[in-house]
Protein backbone atom coordinates (compact mmCIF):
# COMPACT_ATOMS: atom_id res chain seq x y z
CA MET A 1 -10.58 -0.66 -12.12
CA ARG A 2 -7.97 1.92 -12.58
CA GLU A 3 -4.48 0.77 -13.28
CA ILE A 4 -1.02 2.38 -12.64
CA PRO A 5 1.77 1.72 -15.13
CA VAL A 6 4.68 -0.18 -13.20
CA PRO A 7 7.43 2.29 -14.33
CA LEU A 8 5.49 5.05 -12.37
CA VAL A 9 5.39 2.77 -9.37
CA ARG A 10 9.09 1.94 -9.51
CA ALA A 11 9.87 5.73 -10.05
CA ASN A 12 7.96 6.43 -6.82
CA GLN A 13 9.84 3.69 -4.98
CA ALA A 14 13.13 5.00 -6.17
CA PHE A 15 12.13 8.50 -5.13
CA LEU A 16 11.47 7.11 -1.55
CA VAL A 17 14.68 5.19 -1.30
CA GLY A 18 16.77 8.02 -3.00
CA GLY A 19 15.27 10.68 -0.79
CA VAL A 20 15.95 8.91 2.41
CA VAL A 21 19.57 8.18 1.42
CA LEU A 22 20.12 11.69 0.47
CA ALA A 23 18.66 13.06 3.62
CA ALA A 24 20.85 10.79 5.63
CA ALA A 25 23.91 11.54 3.68
CA LEU A 26 23.30 15.32 4.13
CA ASP A 27 21.81 14.95 7.53
CA GLN A 28 18.74 16.89 6.43
CA PRO A 29 15.49 15.71 7.89
CA LEU A 30 13.77 18.47 5.96
CA ILE A 31 14.26 16.31 2.91
CA ILE A 32 12.07 13.73 4.61
CA ALA A 33 9.46 16.36 5.19
CA ALA A 34 9.58 17.34 1.58
CA GLN A 35 9.08 13.77 0.52
CA LEU A 36 6.10 13.79 2.87
CA LEU A 37 4.69 16.78 0.97
CA VAL A 38 5.12 14.98 -2.30
CA VAL A 39 3.36 11.80 -1.17
CA LEU A 40 0.50 13.95 0.37
CA ILE A 41 -0.07 15.75 -2.88
CA GLY A 42 -0.18 12.43 -4.67
CA LEU A 43 -2.66 11.02 -2.09
CA ARG A 44 -4.85 13.96 -2.11
CA LEU A 45 -4.92 14.86 -5.86
CA GLY A 46 -4.38 11.42 -7.29
CA PRO A 47 -2.10 9.76 -9.90
CA ARG A 48 -2.68 12.21 -12.59
CA VAL A 49 -1.03 14.99 -10.49
CA HIS A 50 1.36 12.94 -8.41
CA PRO A 51 4.59 14.94 -8.71
CA VAL A 52 6.80 11.81 -9.10
CA PHE A 53 4.51 10.41 -11.78
CA ALA A 54 4.26 13.68 -13.61
CA VAL A 55 8.07 13.90 -13.80
CA THR A 56 8.37 10.12 -14.77
CA ARG A 57 5.70 10.67 -17.48
CA ALA A 58 7.68 13.67 -18.91
CA ILE A 59 10.93 11.74 -18.94
CA LEU A 60 9.51 8.41 -20.35
CA GLY A 61 6.87 9.76 -22.53
CA ARG A 62 5.25 7.31 -24.77
CA ARG A 63 7.50 4.46 -23.46
CA ILE A 64 4.89 3.94 -20.65
CA GLN A 65 2.25 3.07 -22.96
CA GLY A 66 1.77 -0.72 -22.94
CA ALA A 67 4.07 -1.16 -19.86
CA PRO A 68 2.67 -3.62 -17.35
CA THR A 69 0.26 -2.21 -14.65
CA GLU A 70 -0.54 -2.49 -10.99
CA ASP A 71 -4.12 -1.92 -9.37
CA ALA A 72 -4.47 1.65 -8.39
CA ARG A 73 -5.96 0.65 -5.05
CA LEU A 74 -2.94 -1.15 -4.24
CA GLN A 75 -0.79 1.83 -5.18
CA ARG A 76 -2.83 4.04 -3.09
CA PHE A 77 -2.61 1.78 -0.10
CA ASN A 78 1.20 1.56 -0.41
CA LEU A 79 1.32 5.28 -0.83
CA THR A 80 -0.70 5.69 2.38
CA LEU A 81 1.62 3.44 4.21
CA ALA A 82 4.59 5.51 2.97
CA GLY A 83 2.80 8.82 4.08
CA ILE A 84 2.18 7.30 7.49
CA MET A 85 5.92 6.25 7.90
CA LEU A 86 7.03 9.81 6.59
CA THR A 87 4.69 11.46 8.97
CA VAL A 88 5.93 9.63 11.98
CA ALA A 89 9.52 10.12 10.86
CA THR A 90 8.93 14.00 10.53
CA GLY A 91 7.14 14.13 13.83
CA LEU A 92 10.02 12.24 15.52
CA PHE A 93 12.57 14.88 13.87
CA ALA A 94 10.35 17.69 14.93
CA ALA A 95 10.22 16.40 18.56
CA GLY A 96 14.08 16.11 18.72
CA TRP A 97 14.25 12.44 18.56
CA ALA A 98 16.49 12.25 15.38
CA LEU A 99 17.59 8.74 15.82
CA ALA A 100 14.16 7.37 16.00
CA GLY A 101 13.25 9.42 12.96
CA TRP A 102 16.08 7.98 10.91
CA VAL A 103 15.23 4.51 12.02
CA VAL A 104 11.56 4.96 10.72
CA ALA A 105 12.80 6.61 7.54
CA PHE A 106 15.28 3.76 6.89
CA VAL A 107 12.46 1.24 7.42
CA LEU A 108 10.53 3.00 4.79
CA ALA A 109 13.57 2.98 2.46
CA ALA A 110 14.22 -0.72 3.07
CA VAL A 111 10.51 -1.62 2.23
CA ALA A 112 10.55 0.51 -0.84
CA ALA A 113 13.94 -1.02 -1.95
CA ALA A 114 12.45 -4.40 -1.44
CA GLY A 115 9.72 -3.29 -3.75
CA LEU A 116 12.20 -2.31 -6.54
CA ALA A 117 13.79 -5.67 -6.01
CA GLY A 118 10.50 -7.37 -6.61
CA PHE A 119 8.97 -7.96 -3.11
CA CYS A 120 6.08 -5.83 -2.27
CA LEU A 121 5.49 -5.92 1.50
CA GLY A 122 2.61 -3.44 1.11
CA CYS A 123 1.05 -5.71 -1.46
CA GLN A 124 1.28 -8.59 1.14
CA LEU A 125 -0.34 -6.61 3.84
CA TYR A 126 -3.22 -5.46 1.37
CA ARG A 127 -4.02 -9.04 0.71
CA TYR A 128 -4.83 -9.44 4.49
CA ILE A 129 -6.12 -5.92 5.33
CA GLY A 130 -7.59 -4.97 2.05
CA PRO A 131 -10.77 -7.16 2.33
CA TRP A 132 -11.23 -6.02 5.86
CA MET A 133 -10.98 -2.49 4.91
CA ARG A 134 -13.49 -2.98 2.02
CA ALA A 135 -15.96 -4.65 4.51
CA GLN A 136 -15.77 -1.73 6.89
CA ALA A 137 -16.54 0.87 4.11
């Protein structure tokens, strides 16, 4: 089973929260679309290439070694949920429904902020949905 160091997970959560707050402060939905691109790169190419993980590894260096870890499947599930929410928000912005786009983006930011504070909603969902998903595969 592959593991992801918790500092990388926290950096990704901070990226999601910070990006949404910055996008709203600047009234720039394109920042949400850029976040979607980063998330899609991470989903498609994996944790070794995930842009947020790469930057965090470059900043923290060897301090990541020995850090607590999380199951990579759980991180992928959470990243998939973030990708879905960013896709919906971007689609709503593109359709001209900016308020709805901001609502979805801020729900994502709230969930990521809760993760930073120690409560992982995606983890709770994974406990219920994960076994069903594995049974379908």
